Amino acid sequence: MFNKKKLIRECMEDAGGYAARKLKALAWSFEGLSQAFSDDLQGSASLSSKEALAAMQMTATLVCGDCKNCELYEEDRSGQPEKVAELFEEKGSVYEEDMPEQFLMTCRRREEYLGQLNRNLGRASMNLLWKNRFLESREAIVEQFRELSVIMEEFSGRIEQTADITSAWREKVRRQFRRHRIRMHHMLLLEHNGREREAYVTLSVNGGKYMTTKDAARIFGEAMGSKAWMPDKEEKQVISKKPSMLRFVEEGRYMMLFGVARKTKSGEVISGDNYTYKEIFPRQVIVSLSDGMGSGEQAARESRKVIELMEQLLEAGFSAKTALKMVNAIFMLTGDEQHPATMDLCCVDLFSGVLEAMKLGAVATFLLSEDGVETLEAEDVPMGVLNPVEPTLLSKKLWNNTRIIMMSDGVLEAMPGEDKEASMREFLMHIPMRTPQDMAERILRFASAGEEARDDMTVLSAGIWKK
């Protein structure tokens, strides 16, 4: 007997498998492109003897004519091109006293020769600069191909690990909504990695009444046998007679609160530090802090750009490591001037309570618990300075009432003593475990000690509790 529902389900499963295979094929294509662009062509930090020799030969053609009184441009016999390259790199110009004695005694056009030689060497140096710039940009593009390959591989794996379990729950959920005079038009229920579930449900209320999305999530949870469901915070708050598609997600086992305290550098109006605290799918909280180079509007603009890009990529489903590498590559490719910014990122899984921290040029993060104070730190350069970059991943299981303390370098550098981290640990060991906002304010007051801020200062404090 023909089973239409079974056929549709099988087609959906085949479509998911097809999408996963297609993404893998695209991933391999981008990996192949990155390999095709990768060759042995390397940049050079300074002029080579061959480039200096070419400049000297061009000078001889323009100035010397048929004169054969010297052998300066014959590399194997004089060794002068290598010396000229070193002198030009060191001084910026080649002078008469830098030339060999035979040249000074025999050349009757040495002033014209040196003037032309320095112009040719200047052109060669400029060409070398642009060549290096091109190679840096090309390497950044190659790295983008590699990262796109990794991203597509990740999405392919997620599609394969996501199961559509709608059919097992559709009728039960529909009946539960009907009891509350709510009509369910459509539903899609997905299970990720065999544990995390999310639902997309299209609902409308009968009889001209209204219902909050929070109440609708509670009813959905009752049908699923669990009240730990909540509407997406970005969704509308009220359901009316007009059908609305809502997203319901399972709550995690943990909850978090945060607080922030800030102080702008003395003489500045705008702080160069920016931060974010946001809960994203799948029940993950991101806490991030970026410190722009210097202070003022330029630093604020750069750090805000880093924060916004990171937030968008993480919300789109990219891993924290991939997102950091992508943002760094973007900074490498934009503009002639580099305005590096640090990135301090903490991602907390509210299901497991596991913290993953990643740092680029950021100072230490401190974890406070009943066991004392722990430091998470990584030596690295700021974002936008080197490419490719490998962010340091630090992972830690958090327990009930653990506090996460993040700060910009202006706070840590204001601590007394030579060992700033030791001073901060000592202070945190004796700070009262109150609300995150109270703790952030106490840390900032202690660090600044009532003095004018010599740098922008930001303290982020977050706490995690088991429900």
Protein backbone atom coordinates (compact mmCIF):
# COMPACT_ATOMS: atom_id res chain seq x y z
CA MET A 1 0.00 0.00 0.00
CA PHE A 2 1.25 3.47 -0.91
CA ASN A 3 2.31 5.41 2.21
CA LYS A 4 2.51 9.12 1.35
CA LYS A 5 3.84 10.26 4.75
CA LYS A 6 6.59 7.64 4.70
CA LEU A 7 7.59 8.69 1.20
CA ILE A 8 7.76 12.38 2.21
CA ARG A 9 9.86 11.51 5.28
CA GLU A 10 12.26 9.44 3.19
CA CYS A 11 12.53 12.26 0.65
CA MET A 12 13.32 14.73 3.44
CA GLU A 13 16.02 12.42 4.77
CA ASP A 14 17.46 12.04 1.26
CA ALA A 15 17.37 15.84 0.85
CA GLY A 16 19.34 16.27 4.08
CA GLY A 17 21.88 13.70 2.96
CA TYR A 18 22.14 15.36 -0.45
CA ALA A 19 22.72 18.77 1.16
CA ALA A 20 25.44 17.30 3.40
CA ARG A 21 27.18 15.64 0.43
CA LYS A 22 26.93 18.84 -1.62
CA LEU A 23 28.50 20.89 1.17
CA LYS A 24 31.34 18.37 1.45
CA ALA A 25 31.96 18.62 -2.29
CA LEU A 26 32.09 22.42 -2.04
CA ALA A 27 34.45 22.13 0.93
CA TRP A 28 36.82 19.97 -1.11
CA SER A 29 36.61 22.47 -3.98
CA PHE A 30 37.65 25.38 -1.75
CA GLU A 31 40.46 23.29 -0.28
CA GLY A 32 41.66 22.59 -3.83
CA LEU A 33 41.55 26.31 -4.65
CA SER A 34 43.65 27.13 -1.59
CA GLN A 35 46.25 24.55 -2.61
CA ALA A 36 46.29 25.89 -6.18
CA PHE A 37 47.12 29.38 -4.90
CA SER A 38 49.77 28.13 -2.47
CA ASP A 39 53.21 27.97 -4.09
CA ASP A 40 56.82 28.65 -3.17
CA LEU A 41 56.72 32.37 -4.03
CA GLN A 42 57.85 34.18 -0.90
CA GLY A 43 58.18 37.81 0.02
CA SER A 44 61.46 39.47 0.98
CA ALA A 45 62.13 41.86 3.82
CA SER A 46 64.95 43.74 2.02
CA LEU A 47 66.52 44.32 -1.39
CA SER A 48 68.53 41.43 -2.77
CA SER A 49 71.89 41.68 -4.54
CA LYS A 50 70.14 40.83 -7.82
CA GLU A 51 67.75 43.77 -7.43
CA ALA A 52 70.65 46.06 -6.56
CA LEU A 53 72.59 44.74 -9.57
CA ALA A 54 69.65 45.48 -11.87
CA ALA A 55 69.47 49.04 -10.49
CA MET A 56 73.23 49.50 -11.05
CA GLN A 57 73.05 48.14 -14.60
CA MET A 58 70.14 50.46 -15.41
CA THR A 59 72.15 53.37 -13.99
CA ALA A 60 75.16 52.42 -16.10
CA THR A 61 72.98 52.33 -19.23
CA LEU A 62 71.56 55.81 -18.51
CA VAL A 63 74.75 57.50 -17.26
CA CYS A 64 77.92 55.64 -18.21
CA GLY A 65 77.31 54.87 -21.87
CA ASP A 66 80.30 53.01 -23.33
CA CYS A 67 82.60 53.72 -20.36
CA LYS A 68 84.51 50.61 -19.21
CA ASN A 69 86.57 52.16 -16.39
CA CYS A 70 84.87 50.24 -13.56
CA GLU A 71 83.29 46.86 -12.87
CA LEU A 72 80.70 47.85 -10.25
CA TYR A 73 77.79 46.11 -11.90
CA GLU A 74 79.57 42.82 -12.43
CA GLU A 75 78.36 40.92 -9.39
CA ASP A 76 80.71 37.94 -9.50
CA ARG A 77 83.85 40.05 -9.83
CA SER A 78 83.20 43.02 -7.53
CA GLY A 79 80.67 41.95 -4.89
CA GLN A 80 79.52 45.57 -4.92
CA PRO A 81 75.79 44.96 -5.62
CA GLU A 82 75.37 43.13 -2.29
CA LYS A 83 77.13 45.98 -0.46
CA VAL A 84 74.98 48.58 -2.23
CA ALA A 85 71.78 46.73 -1.23
CA GLU A 86 72.87 46.59 2.43
CA LEU A 87 73.92 50.28 2.49
CA PHE A 88 70.67 51.45 0.88
CA GLU A 89 68.59 49.44 3.37
CA GLU A 90 70.61 50.83 6.28
CA LYS A 91 70.91 54.50 5.27
CA GLY A 92 68.15 55.05 2.74
CA SER A 93 70.69 56.35 0.19
CA VAL A 94 74.14 55.47 -1.13
CA TYR A 95 76.77 58.23 -0.70
CA GLU A 96 80.18 58.85 -2.25
CA GLU A 97 82.03 57.64 0.83
CA ASP A 98 80.20 54.32 0.50
CA MET A 99 81.68 53.64 -2.95
CA PRO A 100 85.00 51.84 -3.58
CA GLU A 101 88.21 53.82 -4.09
CA GLN A 102 88.58 52.84 -7.75
CA PHE A 103 85.14 54.30 -8.51
CA LEU A 104 85.99 57.60 -6.79
CA MET A 105 89.31 57.89 -8.65
CA THR A 106 88.12 56.96 -12.16
CA CYS A 107 84.47 58.07 -12.45
CA ARG A 108 84.07 61.63 -13.75
CA ARG A 109 80.25 61.55 -13.47
CA ARG A 110 79.94 60.11 -9.99
CA GLU A 111 77.40 62.69 -8.71
CA GLU A 112 75.06 61.98 -11.64
CA TYR A 113 75.70 58.24 -11.26
CA LEU A 114 74.86 58.20 -7.52
CA GLY A 115 71.76 60.34 -8.03
CA GLN A 116 70.43 58.01 -10.71
CA LEU A 117 71.45 54.93 -8.68
CA ASN A 118 69.52 56.11 -5.62
CA ARG A 119 66.44 56.80 -7.78
CA ASN A 120 66.62 53.30 -9.26
CA LEU A 121 67.15 51.73 -5.85
CA GLY A 122 64.16 53.69 -4.53
CA ARG A 123 61.98 52.32 -7.32
CA ALA A 124 63.21 48.79 -6.62
CA SER A 125 62.43 49.25 -2.92
CA MET A 126 58.92 50.51 -3.74
CA ASN A 127 58.34 47.56 -6.08
CA LEU A 128 59.45 45.21 -3.31
CA LEU A 129 56.99 46.85 -0.90
CA TRP A 130 54.07 46.40 -3.29
CA LYS A 131 55.13 42.84 -4.05
CA ASN A 132 55.07 42.01 -0.34
CA ARG A 133 51.68 43.71 0.05
CA PHE A 134 50.32 41.62 -2.82
CA LEU A 135 51.68 38.41 -1.32
CA GLU A 136 50.18 39.25 2.08
CA SER A 137 46.76 39.87 0.49
CA ARG A 138 47.03 36.71 -1.55
CA GLU A 139 47.90 34.66 1.54
CA ALA A 140 44.89 36.13 3.33
CA ILE A 141 42.64 35.09 0.43
CA VAL A 142 44.16 31.60 0.44
CA GLU A 143 43.44 31.38 4.15
CA GLN A 144 39.84 32.40 3.45
CA PHE A 145 39.50 29.49 1.01
CA ARG A 146 40.84 27.15 3.67
CA GLU A 147 38.44 28.51 6.30
CA LEU A 148 35.47 28.27 3.94
CA SER A 149 36.39 24.64 3.40
CA VAL A 150 36.44 24.04 7.17
CA ILE A 151 33.14 25.89 7.66
CA MET A 152 31.37 23.84 5.00
CA GLU A 153 32.73 20.66 6.52
CA GLU A 154 31.32 21.75 9.88
CA PHE A 155 27.87 22.47 8.43
CA SER A 156 27.92 19.18 6.57
CA GLY A 157 28.59 17.36 9.86
CA ARG A 158 25.81 19.26 11.61
CA ILE A 159 23.29 18.40 8.92
CA GLU A 160 24.23 14.73 9.23
CA GLN A 161 23.88 14.89 13.03
CA THR A 162 20.48 16.65 12.94
CA ALA A 163 17.40 14.44 13.01
CA ASP A 164 13.84 15.44 12.09
CA ILE A 165 11.65 13.96 14.85
CA THR A 166 8.48 15.88 13.94
CA SER A 167 6.35 12.86 13.07
CA ALA A 168 6.81 11.30 16.51
CA TRP A 169 5.36 14.36 18.29
CA ARG A 170 3.15 16.23 15.81
CA GLU A 171 -0.25 14.86 16.79
CA LYS A 172 0.42 15.00 20.53
CA VAL A 173 1.50 18.65 20.30
CA ARG A 174 -1.45 19.51 18.05
CA ARG A 175 -3.94 18.03 20.56
CA GLN A 176 -2.34 19.92 23.45
CA PHE A 177 -2.64 23.25 21.63
CA ARG A 178 -6.22 22.46 20.59
CA ARG A 179 -7.20 22.10 24.27
CA HIS A 180 -6.17 25.73 24.73
CA ARG A 181 -8.02 26.84 21.57
CA ILE A 182 -4.78 27.35 19.65
CA ARG A 183 -4.51 26.12 16.10
CA MET A 184 -1.23 24.57 15.02
CA HIS A 185 -0.73 24.93 11.26
CA HIS A 186 2.77 23.51 10.85
CA MET A 187 5.58 22.12 13.03
CA LEU A 188 9.21 21.15 12.52
CA LEU A 189 10.98 19.48 15.45
CA LEU A 190 14.74 18.93 15.18
CA GLU A 191 17.15 17.08 17.45
CA HIS A 192 20.85 17.99 17.33
CA ASN A 193 23.57 15.57 18.39
CA GLY A 194 20.94 13.32 19.98
CA ARG A 195 20.29 15.71 22.88
CA GLU A 196 19.44 19.32 21.98
CA ARG A 197 16.03 20.01 20.47
CA GLU A 198 14.42 23.04 18.83
CA ALA A 199 11.00 23.51 17.28
CA TYR A 200 9.54 25.80 14.61
CA VAL A 201 5.77 25.99 15.12
CA THR A 202 3.20 28.08 13.22
CA LEU A 203 0.29 29.00 15.51
CA SER A 204 -2.83 31.15 15.59
CA VAL A 205 -5.36 31.80 18.36
CA ASN A 206 -9.06 31.09 17.79
CA GLY A 207 -11.93 33.33 18.92
CA GLY A 208 -10.21 36.70 18.56
CA LYS A 209 -8.13 36.22 21.72
CA TYR A 210 -4.41 36.67 22.31
CA MET A 211 -1.75 34.56 23.99
CA THR A 212 1.84 35.31 24.92
CA THR A 213 4.58 33.29 23.26
CA LYS A 214 5.83 32.40 26.74
CA ASP A 215 2.50 30.68 27.53
CA ALA A 216 2.60 28.95 24.15
CA ALA A 217 6.10 27.62 24.95
CA ARG A 218 4.79 26.30 28.28
CA ILE A 219 1.94 24.46 26.52
CA PHE A 220 4.40 23.04 23.98
CA GLY A 221 6.58 21.86 26.87
CA GLU A 222 3.64 20.09 28.49
CA ALA A 223 3.04 18.19 25.26
CA MET A 224 6.73 17.25 25.10
CA GLY A 225 6.71 16.07 28.72
CA SER A 226 8.98 18.88 29.89
CA LYS A 227 8.32 22.47 30.95
CA ALA A 228 11.87 23.54 30.15
CA TRP A 229 10.98 25.20 26.83
CA MET A 230 11.07 28.90 26.02
CA PRO A 231 10.44 31.12 22.99
CA ASP A 232 13.35 32.61 21.09
CA LYS A 233 14.02 36.07 22.54
CA GLU A 234 14.07 37.55 19.04
CA GLU A 235 10.51 36.37 18.31
CA LYS A 236 7.30 38.38 18.71
CA GLN A 237 5.76 38.35 22.19
CA VAL A 238 2.06 37.82 21.38
CA ILE A 239 0.14 35.33 19.20
CA SER A 240 -3.05 36.55 17.50
CA LYS A 241 -5.52 35.12 14.97
CA LYS A 242 -2.97 35.73 12.23
CA PRO A 243 -0.69 32.68 11.90
CA SER A 244 2.81 33.28 13.26
CA MET A 245 5.84 31.02 13.06
CA LEU A 246 7.62 30.75 16.41
CA ARG A 247 10.85 29.13 17.50
CA PHE A 248 10.88 27.21 20.80
CA VAL A 249 14.10 26.01 22.37
CA GLU A 250 14.88 23.86 25.37
CA GLU A 251 16.28 25.65 28.37
CA GLY A 252 19.69 24.66 29.65
CA ARG A 253 20.47 23.23 33.07
CA TYR A 254 22.27 26.45 34.00
CA MET A 255 21.47 30.15 34.00
CA MET A 256 23.79 33.15 33.83
CA LEU A 257 23.77 36.81 34.86
CA PHE A 258 26.35 39.45 34.09
CA GLY A 259 27.46 42.94 35.09
CA VAL A 260 29.79 45.54 33.58
CA ALA A 261 31.74 48.52 34.91
CA ARG A 262 33.59 50.98 32.66
CA LYS A 263 35.84 54.00 32.86
CA THR A 264 37.03 56.06 29.90
CA LYS A 265 40.64 57.20 29.56
CA SER A 266 41.22 60.64 31.03
CA GLY A 267 40.70 63.31 28.37
CA GLU A 268 38.66 61.06 26.08
CA VAL A 269 34.90 61.12 25.55
CA ILE A 270 34.51 57.67 23.97
CA SER A 271 35.92 54.41 25.32
CA GLY A 272 37.95 52.28 22.91
CA ASP A 273 36.64 49.11 24.62
CA ASN A 274 33.49 47.30 23.47
CA TYR A 275 31.75 44.22 24.83
CA THR A 276 28.75 41.95 24.32
CA TYR A 277 26.71 39.49 26.37
CA LYS A 278 24.21 37.43 24.41
CA GLU A 279 22.45 34.09 24.54
CA ILE A 280 22.49 32.25 21.20
CA PHE A 281 21.45 28.83 19.93
CA PRO A 282 22.01 26.13 21.00
CA ARG A 283 21.54 27.52 24.52
CA GLN A 284 24.94 29.07 24.51
CA VAL A 285 25.98 32.35 26.11
CA ILE A 286 28.74 34.44 24.56
CA VAL A 287 30.59 37.02 26.62
CA SER A 288 33.19 38.97 24.67
CA LEU A 289 35.42 41.99 25.19
CA SER A 290 37.49 43.83 22.57
CA ASP A 291 40.07 46.54 23.25
CA GLY A 292 40.86 48.73 20.25
CA MET A 293 44.40 50.00 19.72
CA GLY A 294 44.88 53.30 21.54
CA SER A 295 41.77 55.14 22.68
CA GLY A 296 39.02 57.40 21.42
CA GLU A 297 36.72 57.13 18.43
CA GLN A 298 39.09 55.18 16.14
CA ALA A 299 39.75 52.51 18.77
CA ALA A 300 36.01 52.31 19.57
CA ARG A 301 35.16 51.86 15.91
CA GLU A 302 37.66 49.02 15.44
CA SER A 303 36.69 47.14 18.62
CA ARG A 304 32.97 47.56 17.84
CA LYS A 305 33.54 46.12 14.36
CA VAL A 306 35.28 43.07 15.87
CA ILE A 307 32.45 42.51 18.38
CA GLU A 308 29.69 42.86 15.77
CA LEU A 309 31.35 40.55 13.25
CA MET A 310 32.02 37.92 15.91
CA GLU A 311 28.44 38.05 17.13
CA GLN A 312 27.02 37.70 13.60
CA LEU A 313 29.26 34.74 12.76
CA LEU A 314 28.53 32.92 16.02
CA GLU A 315 24.78 33.44 15.59
CA ALA A 316 25.07 32.04 12.06
CA GLY A 317 26.45 28.83 13.56
CA PHE A 318 30.21 29.17 12.97
CA SER A 319 32.52 27.77 15.62
CA ALA A 320 34.29 30.32 17.82
CA LYS A 321 37.71 29.38 16.44
CA THR A 322 36.62 29.69 12.81
CA ALA A 323 34.83 32.99 13.51
CA LEU A 324 37.95 34.48 15.10
CA LYS A 325 40.14 33.43 12.18
CA MET A 326 37.67 34.86 9.67
CA VAL A 327 37.45 38.22 11.43
CA ASN A 328 41.24 38.38 11.64
CA ALA A 329 41.52 37.73 7.89
CA ILE A 330 38.96 40.47 7.19
CA PHE A 331 41.02 42.94 9.23
CA MET A 332 44.14 41.94 7.29
CA LEU A 333 42.45 42.72 3.98
CA THR A 334 40.87 46.08 4.84
CA GLY A 335 42.72 49.34 4.42
CA ASP A 336 46.37 50.35 4.29
CA GLU A 337 46.66 51.17 7.98
CA GLN A 338 46.43 48.49 10.62
CA HIS A 339 44.43 49.24 13.75
CA PRO A 340 44.63 45.98 15.68
CA ALA A 341 42.09 45.09 18.34
CA THR A 342 42.20 42.39 20.98
CA MET A 343 39.47 39.78 21.35
CA ASP A 344 38.57 38.02 24.59
CA LEU A 345 35.76 35.53 23.98
CA CYS A 346 34.01 33.18 26.41
CA CYS A 347 31.33 30.75 25.22
CA VAL A 348 29.34 28.91 27.91
CA ASP A 349 27.17 25.87 27.14
CA LEU A 350 24.12 26.13 29.42
CA PHE A 351 23.41 22.40 29.04
CA SER A 352 26.79 21.13 30.23
CA GLY A 353 28.23 24.18 32.01
CA VAL A 354 31.42 23.95 29.93
CA LEU A 355 33.31 27.18 29.21
CA GLU A 356 35.37 27.61 26.05
CA ALA A 357 37.58 30.69 26.07
CA MET A 358 39.53 32.07 23.11
CA LYS A 359 41.96 34.95 23.16
CA LEU A 360 43.77 37.12 20.64
CA GLY A 361 46.05 39.58 22.39
CA ALA A 362 43.76 39.79 25.43
CA VAL A 363 44.83 39.76 29.07
CA ALA A 364 44.01 36.95 31.49
CA THR A 365 40.49 35.87 32.45
CA PHE A 366 39.88 34.92 36.08
CA LEU A 367 37.52 32.21 37.35
CA LEU A 368 36.28 32.45 40.95
CA SER A 369 34.82 29.42 42.71
CA GLU A 370 34.81 27.77 46.12
CA ASP A 371 38.19 26.26 45.22
CA GLY A 372 39.82 29.68 44.78
CA VAL A 373 40.94 31.76 41.80
CA GLU A 374 42.04 30.24 38.48
CA THR A 375 43.67 32.13 35.62
CA LEU A 376 43.03 31.57 31.91
CA GLU A 377 45.62 33.27 29.75
CA ALA A 378 47.24 32.97 26.34
CA GLU A 379 50.18 34.84 24.83
CA ASP A 380 49.21 36.08 21.39
CA VAL A 381 49.14 39.10 19.09
CA PRO A 382 46.10 41.36 18.60
CA MET A 383 43.66 40.79 15.78
CA GLY A 384 44.67 42.16 12.38
CA VAL A 385 48.46 41.94 12.82
CA LEU A 386 49.48 38.47 11.61
CA ASN A 387 47.94 36.09 9.13
CA PRO A 388 47.24 33.20 9.44
CA VAL A 389 46.42 33.26 13.13
CA GLU A 390 45.68 30.36 15.47
CA PRO A 391 43.52 31.42 18.43
CA THR A 392 44.28 29.66 21.69
CA LEU A 393 41.36 27.53 22.93
CA LEU A 394 40.96 27.11 26.68
CA SER A 395 38.25 24.78 28.01
CA LYS A 396 36.96 24.52 31.59
CA LYS A 397 33.99 22.91 33.35
CA LEU A 398 32.10 25.45 35.46
CA TRP A 399 30.21 24.58 38.62
CA ASN A 400 27.42 26.26 40.52
CA ASN A 401 28.15 29.87 41.58
CA THR A 402 31.35 30.15 39.54
CA ARG A 403 32.20 33.71 38.47
CA ILE A 404 33.92 34.71 35.23
CA ILE A 405 35.93 37.95 35.38
CA MET A 406 37.10 39.50 32.10
CA MET A 407 38.85 42.85 31.75
CA SER A 408 40.71 45.09 29.34
CA ASP A 409 44.43 45.67 29.81
CA GLY A 410 43.76 49.14 31.24
CA VAL A 411 42.30 47.48 34.36
CA LEU A 412 45.07 44.93 34.85
CA GLU A 413 47.86 47.45 34.24
CA ALA A 414 46.37 49.74 36.92
CA MET A 415 46.81 47.08 39.61
CA PRO A 416 49.57 47.74 42.17
CA GLY A 417 52.90 45.92 42.17
CA GLU A 418 55.04 44.48 39.40
CA ASP A 419 53.12 41.20 39.03
CA LYS A 420 49.72 42.57 38.00
CA GLU A 421 48.02 39.18 37.69
CA ALA A 422 49.18 38.14 41.17
CA SER A 423 47.76 41.40 42.57
CA MET A 424 44.43 40.77 40.86
CA ARG A 425 44.27 37.17 42.10
CA GLU A 426 45.00 38.31 45.65
CA PHE A 427 42.23 40.92 45.47
CA LEU A 428 39.70 38.47 43.98
CA MET A 429 40.38 35.91 46.70
CA HIS A 430 38.94 38.34 49.26
CA ILE A 431 36.14 39.99 47.25
CA PRO A 432 32.56 39.25 48.45
CA MET A 433 30.69 36.84 46.13
CA ARG A 434 27.75 39.09 45.43
CA THR A 435 25.93 40.01 42.21
CA PRO A 436 28.03 40.20 39.02
CA GLN A 437 27.31 43.94 38.76
CA ASP A 438 28.48 44.59 42.33
CA MET A 439 31.67 42.61 41.74
CA ALA A 440 32.45 44.43 38.47
CA GLU A 441 32.09 47.79 40.20
CA ARG A 442 34.27 46.73 43.16
CA ILE A 443 37.05 45.52 40.85
CA LEU A 444 37.03 48.75 38.84
CA ARG A 445 37.05 50.92 41.96
CA PHE A 446 40.01 49.02 43.39
CA ALA A 447 41.99 49.13 40.12
CA SER A 448 41.43 52.84 39.51
CA ALA A 449 41.73 53.78 43.20
CA GLY A 450 40.10 57.15 42.52
CA GLU A 451 42.88 58.23 40.12
CA GLU A 452 42.47 59.41 36.54
CA ALA A 453 42.40 56.53 34.09
CA ARG A 454 45.57 56.24 32.00
CA ASP A 455 43.76 53.89 29.61
CA ASP A 456 40.21 52.76 28.88
CA MET A 457 39.05 50.39 31.61
CA THR A 458 36.29 47.77 31.31
CA VAL A 459 35.40 44.91 33.67
CA LEU A 460 32.91 42.18 32.69
CA SER A 461 31.64 39.89 35.44
CA ALA A 462 29.37 36.90 34.84
CA GLY A 463 28.03 34.22 37.18
CA ILE A 464 26.62 30.77 36.46
CA TRP A 465 24.06 28.95 38.60
CA LYS A 466 22.38 25.57 38.28
CA LYS A 467 18.60 25.80 37.98
